[in-house]
Amino acid sequence: AHDAIDLLRVQLETHPRKSDVKILEPGMSF
């Protein structure tokens, strides 16, 4: 279940728009 989000977190470490990607855990709001 968490394979994709784990990979995305790694990719975001060097992504220029890291701060604009909002990863929400279940129940969290933006």
Full PDB file with SEQRES, HELIX, SHEET, SSBOND, CRYST1, ORIGX, SCALE, CONECT and MASTER records, all heavy atoms in Angstrom:
SEQRES   1 A   30  ALA HIS ASP ALA ILE ASP LEU LEU ARG VAL GLN LEU GLU          
SEQRES   2 A   30  THR HIS PRO ARG LYS SER ASP VAL LYS ILE LEU GLU PRO          
SEQRES   3 A   30  GLY MET SER PHE                                              
HELIX    1 AA1 ASP A    3  LEU A   12  1                                  10    
HELIX    2 AA2 LYS A   18  ASP A   20  5                                   3    
CRYST1    1.000    1.000    1.000  90.00  90.00  90.00 P 1           1          
ORIGX1      1.000000  0.000000  0.000000        0.00000                         
ORIGX2      0.000000  1.000000  0.000000        0.00000                         
ORIGX3      0.000000  0.000000  1.000000        0.00000                         
SCALE1      1.000000  0.000000  0.000000        0.00000                         
SCALE2      0.000000  1.000000  0.000000        0.00000                         
SCALE3      0.000000  0.000000  1.000000        0.00000                         
ATOM      1  N   ALA A   1       0.805  -1.221   0.000  1.00  0.00           N  
ATOM      2  CA  ALA A   1       0.000   0.000   0.000  1.00  0.00           C  
ATOM      3  C   ALA A   1       0.838   1.270   0.000  1.00  0.00           C  
ATOM      4  O   ALA A   1       0.419   2.299  -0.541  1.00  0.00           O  
ATOM      5  CB  ALA A   1      -0.936  -0.011   1.210  1.00  0.00           C  
ATOM      6  N   HIS A   2       2.024   1.234   0.606  1.00  0.00           N  
ATOM      7  CA  HIS A   2       2.824   2.446   0.745  1.00  0.00           C  
ATOM      8  C   HIS A   2       4.009   2.510  -0.217  1.00  0.00           C  
ATOM      9  O   HIS A   2       4.813   3.456  -0.131  1.00  0.00           O  
ATOM     10  CB  HIS A   2       3.324   2.584   2.187  1.00  0.00           C  
ATOM     11  CG  HIS A   2       2.234   2.928   3.164  1.00  0.00           C  
ATOM     12  ND1 HIS A   2       1.422   1.958   3.713  1.00  0.00           N  
ATOM     13  CD2 HIS A   2       1.813   4.116   3.663  1.00  0.00           C  
ATOM     14  CE1 HIS A   2       0.551   2.535   4.531  1.00  0.00           C  
ATOM     15  NE2 HIS A   2       0.755   3.837   4.513  1.00  0.00           N  
ATOM     16  N   ASP A   3       4.106   1.584  -1.136  1.00  0.00           N  
ATOM     17  CA  ASP A   3       5.243   1.596  -2.061  1.00  0.00           C  
ATOM     18  C   ASP A   3       5.298   2.889  -2.871  1.00  0.00           C  
ATOM     19  O   ASP A   3       6.361   3.494  -3.028  1.00  0.00           O  
ATOM     20  CB  ASP A   3       5.186   0.399  -3.018  1.00  0.00           C  
ATOM     21  CG  ASP A   3       5.573  -0.915  -2.348  1.00  0.00           C  
ATOM     22  OD1 ASP A   3       6.026  -0.869  -1.190  1.00  0.00           O  
ATOM     23  OD2 ASP A   3       5.399  -1.971  -2.977  1.00  0.00           O  
ATOM     24  N   ALA A   4       4.157   3.317  -3.408  1.00  0.00           N  
ATOM     25  CA  ALA A   4       4.143   4.495  -4.277  1.00  0.00           C  
ATOM     26  C   ALA A   4       4.498   5.763  -3.503  1.00  0.00           C  
ATOM     27  O   ALA A   4       5.294   6.584  -3.970  1.00  0.00           O  
ATOM     28  CB  ALA A   4       2.784   4.642  -4.958  1.00  0.00           C  
ATOM     29  N   ILE A   5       3.928   5.939  -2.327  1.00  0.00           N  
ATOM     30  CA  ILE A   5       4.204   7.171  -1.586  1.00  0.00           C  
ATOM     31  C   ILE A   5       5.634   7.184  -1.067  1.00  0.00           C  
ATOM     32  O   ILE A   5       6.274   8.252  -1.006  1.00  0.00           O  
ATOM     33  CB  ILE A   5       3.180   7.369  -0.441  1.00  0.00           C  
ATOM     34  CG1 ILE A   5       3.172   8.827   0.027  1.00  0.00           C  
ATOM     35  CG2 ILE A   5       3.445   6.429   0.716  1.00  0.00           C  
ATOM     36  CD1 ILE A   5       2.706   9.810  -1.008  1.00  0.00           C  
ATOM     37  N   ASP A   6       6.175   6.016  -0.730  1.00  0.00           N  
ATOM     38  CA  ASP A   6       7.573   5.952  -0.308  1.00  0.00           C  
ATOM     39  C   ASP A   6       8.490   6.391  -1.445  1.00  0.00           C  
ATOM     40  O   ASP A   6       9.455   7.141  -1.224  1.00  0.00           O  
ATOM     41  CB  ASP A   6       7.933   4.536   0.138  1.00  0.00           C  
ATOM     42  CG  ASP A   6       7.283   4.151   1.464  1.00  0.00           C  
ATOM     43  OD1 ASP A   6       6.808   5.058   2.188  1.00  0.00           O  
ATOM     44  OD2 ASP A   6       7.247   2.942   1.770  1.00  0.00           O  
ATOM     45  N   LEU A   7       8.186   5.931  -2.664  1.00  0.00           N  
ATOM     46  CA  LEU A   7       8.987   6.322  -3.820  1.00  0.00           C  
ATOM     47  C   LEU A   7       8.827   7.815  -4.099  1.00  0.00           C  
ATOM     48  O   LEU A   7       9.810   8.510  -4.398  1.00  0.00           O  
ATOM     49  CB  LEU A   7       8.568   5.504  -5.042  1.00  0.00           C  
ATOM     50  CG  LEU A   7       9.277   5.834  -6.358  1.00  0.00           C  
ATOM     51  CD1 LEU A   7      10.787   5.678  -6.232  1.00  0.00           C  
ATOM     52  CD2 LEU A   7       8.749   4.941  -7.483  1.00  0.00           C  
ATOM     53  N   LEU A   8       7.604   8.322  -4.002  1.00  0.00           N  
ATOM     54  CA  LEU A   8       7.391   9.746  -4.253  1.00  0.00           C  
ATOM     55  C   LEU A   8       8.180  10.602  -3.265  1.00  0.00           C  
ATOM     56  O   LEU A   8       8.768  11.628  -3.640  1.00  0.00           O  
ATOM     57  CB  LEU A   8       5.905  10.079  -4.169  1.00  0.00           C  
ATOM     58  CG  LEU A   8       5.542  11.543  -4.436  1.00  0.00           C  
ATOM     59  CD1 LEU A   8       5.883  11.938  -5.871  1.00  0.00           C  
ATOM     60  CD2 LEU A   8       4.062  11.807  -4.157  1.00  0.00           C  
ATOM     61  N   ARG A   9       8.207  10.218  -2.010  1.00  0.00           N  
ATOM     62  CA  ARG A   9       8.968  10.987  -1.020  1.00  0.00           C  
ATOM     63  C   ARG A   9      10.441  11.069  -1.399  1.00  0.00           C  
ATOM     64  O   ARG A   9      11.073  12.127  -1.238  1.00  0.00           O  
ATOM     65  CB  ARG A   9       8.812  10.364   0.367  1.00  0.00           C  
ATOM     66  CG  ARG A   9       7.414  10.486   0.962  1.00  0.00           C  
ATOM     67  CD  ARG A   9       7.377   9.890   2.367  1.00  0.00           C  
ATOM     68  NE  ARG A   9       6.045   9.684   2.856  1.00  0.00           N  
ATOM     69  CZ  ARG A   9       5.279  10.607   3.458  1.00  0.00           C  
ATOM     70  NH1 ARG A   9       5.765  11.825   3.599  1.00  0.00           N  
ATOM     71  NH2 ARG A   9       4.068  10.311   3.887  1.00  0.00           N  
ATOM     72  N   VAL A  10      10.982   9.976  -1.908  1.00  0.00           N  
ATOM     73  CA  VAL A  10      12.379   9.977  -2.344  1.00  0.00           C  
ATOM     74  C   VAL A  10      12.568  10.922  -3.532  1.00  0.00           C  
ATOM     75  O   VAL A  10      13.513  11.722  -3.572  1.00  0.00           O  
ATOM     76  CB  VAL A  10      12.832   8.548  -2.702  1.00  0.00           C  
ATOM     77  CG1 VAL A  10      14.212   8.565  -3.363  1.00  0.00           C  
ATOM     78  CG2 VAL A  10      12.849   7.665  -1.465  1.00  0.00           C  
ATOM     79  N   GLN A  11      11.654  10.845  -4.497  1.00  0.00           N  
ATOM     80  CA  GLN A  11      11.765  11.711  -5.675  1.00  0.00           C  
ATOM     81  C   GLN A  11      11.644  13.188  -5.312  1.00  0.00           C  
ATOM     82  O   GLN A  11      12.279  14.050  -5.921  1.00  0.00           O  
ATOM     83  CB  GLN A  11      10.685  11.329  -6.698  1.00  0.00           C  
ATOM     84  CG  GLN A  11      10.901   9.956  -7.327  1.00  0.00           C  
ATOM     85  CD  GLN A  11       9.731   9.532  -8.190  1.00  0.00           C  
ATOM     86  OE1 GLN A  11       8.579   9.595  -7.760  1.00  0.00           O  
ATOM     87  NE2 GLN A  11      10.005   9.099  -9.405  1.00  0.00           N  
ATOM     88  N   LEU A  12      10.843  13.481  -4.310  1.00  0.00           N  
ATOM     89  CA  LEU A  12      10.626  14.872  -3.939  1.00  0.00           C  
ATOM     90  C   LEU A  12      11.833  15.503  -3.249  1.00  0.00           C  
ATOM     91  O   LEU A  12      11.938  16.736  -3.178  1.00  0.00           O  
ATOM     92  CB  LEU A  12       9.404  14.994  -3.029  1.00  0.00           C  
ATOM     93  CG  LEU A  12       8.047  14.814  -3.710  1.00  0.00           C  
ATOM     94  CD1 LEU A  12       6.927  14.849  -2.671  1.00  0.00           C  
ATOM     95  CD2 LEU A  12       7.813  15.888  -4.768  1.00  0.00           C  
ATOM     96  N   GLU A  13      12.737  14.686  -2.747  1.00  0.00           N  
ATOM     97  CA  GLU A  13      13.899  15.237  -2.056  1.00  0.00           C  
ATOM     98  C   GLU A  13      14.681  16.201  -2.937  1.00  0.00           C  
ATOM     99  O   GLU A  13      15.250  17.173  -2.447  1.00  0.00           O  
ATOM    100  CB  GLU A  13      14.795  14.097  -1.572  1.00  0.00           C  
ATOM    101  CG  GLU A  13      14.193  13.291  -0.422  1.00  0.00           C  
ATOM    102  CD  GLU A  13      15.066  12.124  -0.016  1.00  0.00           C  
ATOM    103  OE1 GLU A  13      16.160  11.962  -0.621  1.00  0.00           O  
ATOM    104  OE2 GLU A  13      14.683  11.375   0.902  1.00  0.00           O  
ATOM    105  N   THR A  14      14.708  15.954  -4.242  1.00  0.00           N  
ATOM    106  CA  THR A  14      15.461  16.808  -5.161  1.00  0.00           C  
ATOM    107  C   THR A  14      14.559  17.507  -6.178  1.00  0.00           C  
ATOM    108  O   THR A  14      15.048  18.083  -7.141  1.00  0.00           O  
ATOM    109  CB  THR A  14      16.521  15.980  -5.915  1.00  0.00           C  
ATOM    110  OG1 THR A  14      15.874  14.889  -6.607  1.00  0.00           O  
ATOM    111  CG2 THR A  14      17.560  15.421  -4.948  1.00  0.00           C  
ATOM    112  N   HIS A  15      13.259  17.452  -5.966  1.00  0.00           N  
ATOM    113  CA  HIS A  15      12.345  18.044  -6.933  1.00  0.00           C  
ATOM    114  C   HIS A  15      12.231  19.545  -6.695  1.00  0.00           C  
ATOM    115  O   HIS A  15      12.088  19.997  -5.547  1.00  0.00           O  
ATOM    116  CB  HIS A  15      10.963  17.390  -6.833  1.00  0.00           C  
ATOM    117  CG  HIS A  15      10.084  17.651  -8.001  1.00  0.00           C  
ATOM    118  ND1 HIS A  15       9.313  18.782  -8.118  1.00  0.00           N  
ATOM    119  CD2 HIS A  15       9.858  16.927  -9.135  1.00  0.00           C  
ATOM    120  CE1 HIS A  15       8.642  18.745  -9.258  1.00  0.00           C  
ATOM    121  NE2 HIS A  15       8.954  17.632  -9.898  1.00  0.00           N  
ATOM    122  N   PRO A  16      12.258  20.364  -7.757  1.00  0.00           N  
ATOM    123  CA  PRO A  16      12.229  21.815  -7.566  1.00  0.00           C  
ATOM    124  C   PRO A  16      10.934  22.339  -6.960  1.00  0.00           C  
ATOM    125  O   PRO A  16      10.908  23.442  -6.414  1.00  0.00           O  
ATOM    126  CB  PRO A  16      12.443  22.367  -8.982  1.00  0.00           C  
ATOM    127  CG  PRO A  16      12.058  21.250  -9.900  1.00  0.00           C  
ATOM    128  CD  PRO A  16      12.436  20.000  -9.178  1.00  0.00           C  
ATOM    129  N   ARG A  17       9.838  21.566  -7.051  1.00  0.00           N  
ATOM    130  CA  ARG A  17       8.565  22.029  -6.501  1.00  0.00           C  
ATOM    131  C   ARG A  17       8.133  21.176  -5.303  1.00  0.00           C  
ATOM    132  O   ARG A  17       6.942  21.014  -5.034  1.00  0.00           O  
ATOM    133  CB  ARG A  17       7.493  22.028  -7.586  1.00  0.00           C  
ATOM    134  CG  ARG A  17       7.796  22.996  -8.744  1.00  0.00           C  
ATOM    135  CD  ARG A  17       6.563  23.294  -9.551  1.00  0.00           C  
ATOM    136  NE  ARG A  17       5.529  23.912  -8.718  1.00  0.00           N  
ATOM    137  CZ  ARG A  17       4.259  24.054  -9.117  1.00  0.00           C  
ATOM    138  NH1 ARG A  17       3.888  23.617 -10.317  1.00  0.00           N  
ATOM    139  NH2 ARG A  17       3.368  24.627  -8.333  1.00  0.00           N  
ATOM    140  N   LYS A  18       9.091  20.696  -4.576  1.00  0.00           N  
ATOM    141  CA  LYS A  18       8.816  19.851  -3.417  1.00  0.00           C  
ATOM    142  C   LYS A  18       7.804  20.484  -2.474  1.00  0.00           C  
ATOM    143  O   LYS A  18       6.881  19.826  -1.984  1.00  0.00           O  
ATOM    144  CB  LYS A  18      10.119  19.572  -2.674  1.00  0.00           C  
ATOM    145  CG  LYS A  18       9.950  18.812  -1.374  1.00  0.00           C  
ATOM    146  CD  LYS A  18      11.283  18.619  -0.671  1.00  0.00           C  
ATOM    147  CE  LYS A  18      11.095  17.901   0.662  1.00  0.00           C  
ATOM    148  NZ  LYS A  18      12.396  17.696   1.350  1.00  0.00           N  
ATOM    149  N   SER A  19       7.938  21.786  -2.216  1.00  0.00           N  
ATOM    150  CA  SER A  19       7.085  22.446  -1.230  1.00  0.00           C  
ATOM    151  C   SER A  19       5.638  22.589  -1.704  1.00  0.00           C  
ATOM    152  O   SER A  19       4.741  22.863  -0.896  1.00  0.00           O  
ATOM    153  CB  SER A  19       7.643  23.830  -0.887  1.00  0.00           C  
ATOM    154  OG  SER A  19       7.651  24.666  -2.030  1.00  0.00           O  
ATOM    155  N   ASP A  20       5.394  22.396  -2.997  1.00  0.00           N  
ATOM    156  CA  ASP A  20       4.041  22.525  -3.547  1.00  0.00           C  
ATOM    157  C   ASP A  20       3.311  21.183  -3.623  1.00  0.00           C  
ATOM    158  O   ASP A  20       2.150  21.144  -4.049  1.00  0.00           O  
ATOM    159  CB  ASP A  20       4.096  23.150  -4.942  1.00  0.00           C  
ATOM    160  CG  ASP A  20       4.666  24.559  -4.907  1.00  0.00           C  
ATOM    161  OD1 ASP A  20       4.430  25.266  -3.914  1.00  0.00           O  
ATOM    162  OD2 ASP A  20       5.354  24.935  -5.877  1.00  0.00           O  
ATOM    163  N   VAL A  21       3.974  20.112  -3.243  1.00  0.00           N  
ATOM    164  CA  VAL A  21       3.349  18.784  -3.195  1.00  0.00           C  
ATOM    165  C   VAL A  21       2.949  18.514  -1.749  1.00  0.00           C  
ATOM    166  O   VAL A  21       3.798  18.445  -0.855  1.00  0.00           O  
ATOM    167  CB  VAL A  21       4.300  17.695  -3.715  1.00  0.00           C  
ATOM    168  CG1 VAL A  21       3.630  16.317  -3.643  1.00  0.00           C  
ATOM    169  CG2 VAL A  21       4.728  18.001  -5.149  1.00  0.00           C  
ATOM    170  N   LYS A  22       1.662  18.390  -1.517  1.00  0.00           N  
ATOM    171  CA  LYS A  22       1.126  18.240  -0.171  1.00  0.00           C  
ATOM    172  C   LYS A  22       0.684  16.792   0.047  1.00  0.00           C  
ATOM    173  O   LYS A  22      -0.346  16.364  -0.470  1.00  0.00           O  
ATOM    174  CB  LYS A  22      -0.043  19.198   0.050  1.00  0.00           C  
ATOM    175  CG  LYS A  22       0.290  20.666  -0.254  1.00  0.00           C  
ATOM    176  CD  LYS A  22       1.438  21.180   0.617  1.00  0.00           C  
ATOM    177  CE  LYS A  22       1.765  22.625   0.320  1.00  0.00           C  
ATOM    178  NZ  LYS A  22       2.893  23.135   1.138  1.00  0.00           N  
ATOM    179  N   ILE A  23       1.484  16.061   0.792  1.00  0.00           N  
ATOM    180  CA  ILE A  23       1.159  14.662   1.091  1.00  0.00           C  
ATOM    181  C   ILE A  23       0.303  14.638   2.351  1.00  0.00           C  
ATOM    182  O   ILE A  23       0.749  15.054   3.427  1.00  0.00           O  
ATOM    183  CB  ILE A  23       2.430  13.826   1.270  1.00  0.00           C  
ATOM    184  CG1 ILE A  23       3.232  13.801  -0.041  1.00  0.00           C  
ATOM    185  CG2 ILE A  23       2.089  12.401   1.721  1.00  0.00           C  
ATOM    186  CD1 ILE A  23       4.580  13.109   0.061  1.00  0.00           C  
ATOM    187  N   LEU A  24      -0.927  14.181   2.207  1.00  0.00           N  
ATOM    188  CA  LEU A  24      -1.872  14.144   3.318  1.00  0.00           C  
ATOM    189  C   LEU A  24      -2.049  12.712   3.802  1.00  0.00           C  
ATOM    190  O   LEU A  24      -2.384  11.819   3.017  1.00  0.00           O  
ATOM    191  CB  LEU A  24      -3.234  14.694   2.892  1.00  0.00           C  
ATOM    192  CG  LEU A  24      -3.274  16.102   2.294  1.00  0.00           C  
ATOM    193  CD1 LEU A  24      -4.719  16.478   1.958  1.00  0.00           C  
ATOM    194  CD2 LEU A  24      -2.658  17.130   3.232  1.00  0.00           C  
ATOM    195  N   GLU A  25      -1.836  12.487   5.080  1.00  0.00           N  
ATOM    196  CA  GLU A  25      -2.203  11.211   5.673  1.00  0.00           C  
ATOM    197  C   GLU A  25      -3.728  11.172   5.787  1.00  0.00           C  
ATOM    198  O   GLU A  25      -4.387  12.221   5.808  1.00  0.00           O  
ATOM    199  CB  GLU A  25      -1.567  11.067   7.056  1.00  0.00           C  
ATOM    200  CG  GLU A  25      -0.040  11.071   7.062  1.00  0.00           C  
ATOM    201  CD  GLU A  25       0.558   9.827   6.440  1.00  0.00           C  
ATOM    202  OE1 GLU A  25      -0.156   8.800   6.359  1.00  0.00           O  
ATOM    203  OE2 GLU A  25       1.742   9.886   6.042  1.00  0.00           O  
ATOM    204  N   PRO A  26      -4.323   9.965   5.843  1.00  0.00           N  
ATOM    205  CA  PRO A  26      -5.785   9.890   5.963  1.00  0.00           C  
ATOM    206  C   PRO A  26      -6.301  10.733   7.123  1.00  0.00           C  
ATOM    207  O   PRO A  26      -5.801  10.651   8.247  1.00  0.00           O  
ATOM    208  CB  PRO A  26      -6.036   8.399   6.186  1.00  0.00           C  
ATOM    209  CG  PRO A  26      -4.898   7.727   5.485  1.00  0.00           C  
ATOM    210  CD  PRO A  26      -3.713   8.623   5.717  1.00  0.00           C  
ATOM    211  N   GLY A  27      -7.278  11.576   6.816  1.00  0.00           N  
ATOM    212  CA  GLY A  27      -7.863  12.460   7.815  1.00  0.00           C  
ATOM    213  C   GLY A  27      -7.289  13.860   7.806  1.00  0.00           C  
ATOM    214  O   GLY A  27      -7.882  14.770   8.386  1.00  0.00           O  
ATOM    215  N   MET A  28      -6.151  14.057   7.152  1.00  0.00           N  
ATOM    216  CA  MET A  28      -5.549  15.382   7.077  1.00  0.00           C  
ATOM    217  C   MET A  28      -6.211  16.218   5.990  1.00  0.00           C  
ATOM    218  O   MET A  28      -6.703  15.686   4.995  1.00  0.00           O  
ATOM    219  CB  MET A  28      -4.048  15.287   6.805  1.00  0.00           C  
ATOM    220  CG  MET A  28      -3.231  14.751   7.961  1.00  0.00           C  
ATOM    221  SD  MET A  28      -1.441  14.630   7.559  1.00  0.00           S  
ATOM    222  CE  MET A  28      -1.072  16.363   7.189  1.00  0.00           C  
ATOM    223  N   SER A  29      -6.206  17.537   6.185  1.00  0.00           N  
ATOM    224  CA  SER A  29      -6.814  18.470   5.235  1.00  0.00           C  
ATOM    225  C   SER A  29      -5.784  19.478   4.761  1.00  0.00           C  
ATOM    226  O   SER A  29      -4.803  19.768   5.455  1.00  0.00           O  
ATOM    227  CB  SER A  29      -7.997  19.205   5.879  1.00  0.00           C  
ATOM    228  OG  SER A  29      -9.004  18.308   6.291  1.00  0.00           O  
ATOM    229  N   PHE A  30      -6.063  20.030   3.583  1.00  0.00           N  
ATOM    230  CA  PHE A  30      -5.243  21.105   3.028  1.00  0.00           C  
ATOM    231  C   PHE A  30      -6.164  22.252   2.654  1.00  0.00           C  
ATOM    232  O   PHE A  30      -7.119  22.081   1.897  1.00  0.00           O  
ATOM    233  CB  PHE A  30      -4.497  20.617   1.787  1.00  0.00           C  
ATOM    234  CG  PHE A  30      -3.747  21.700   1.049  1.00  0.00           C  
ATOM    235  CD1 PHE A  30      -2.620  22.292   1.607  1.00  0.00           C  
ATOM    236  CD2 PHE A  30      -4.173  22.129  -0.195  1.00  0.00           C  
ATOM    237  CE1 PHE A  30      -1.937  23.292   0.943  1.00  0.00           C  
ATOM    238  CE2 PHE A  30      -3.493  23.131  -0.880  1.00  0.00           C  
ATOM    239  CZ  PHE A  30      -2.367  23.721  -0.321  1.00  0.00           C  
TER     240      PHE A  30                                                      
MASTER        0    0    0    2    0    0    0    6  239    1    0    3          
END                                                                             
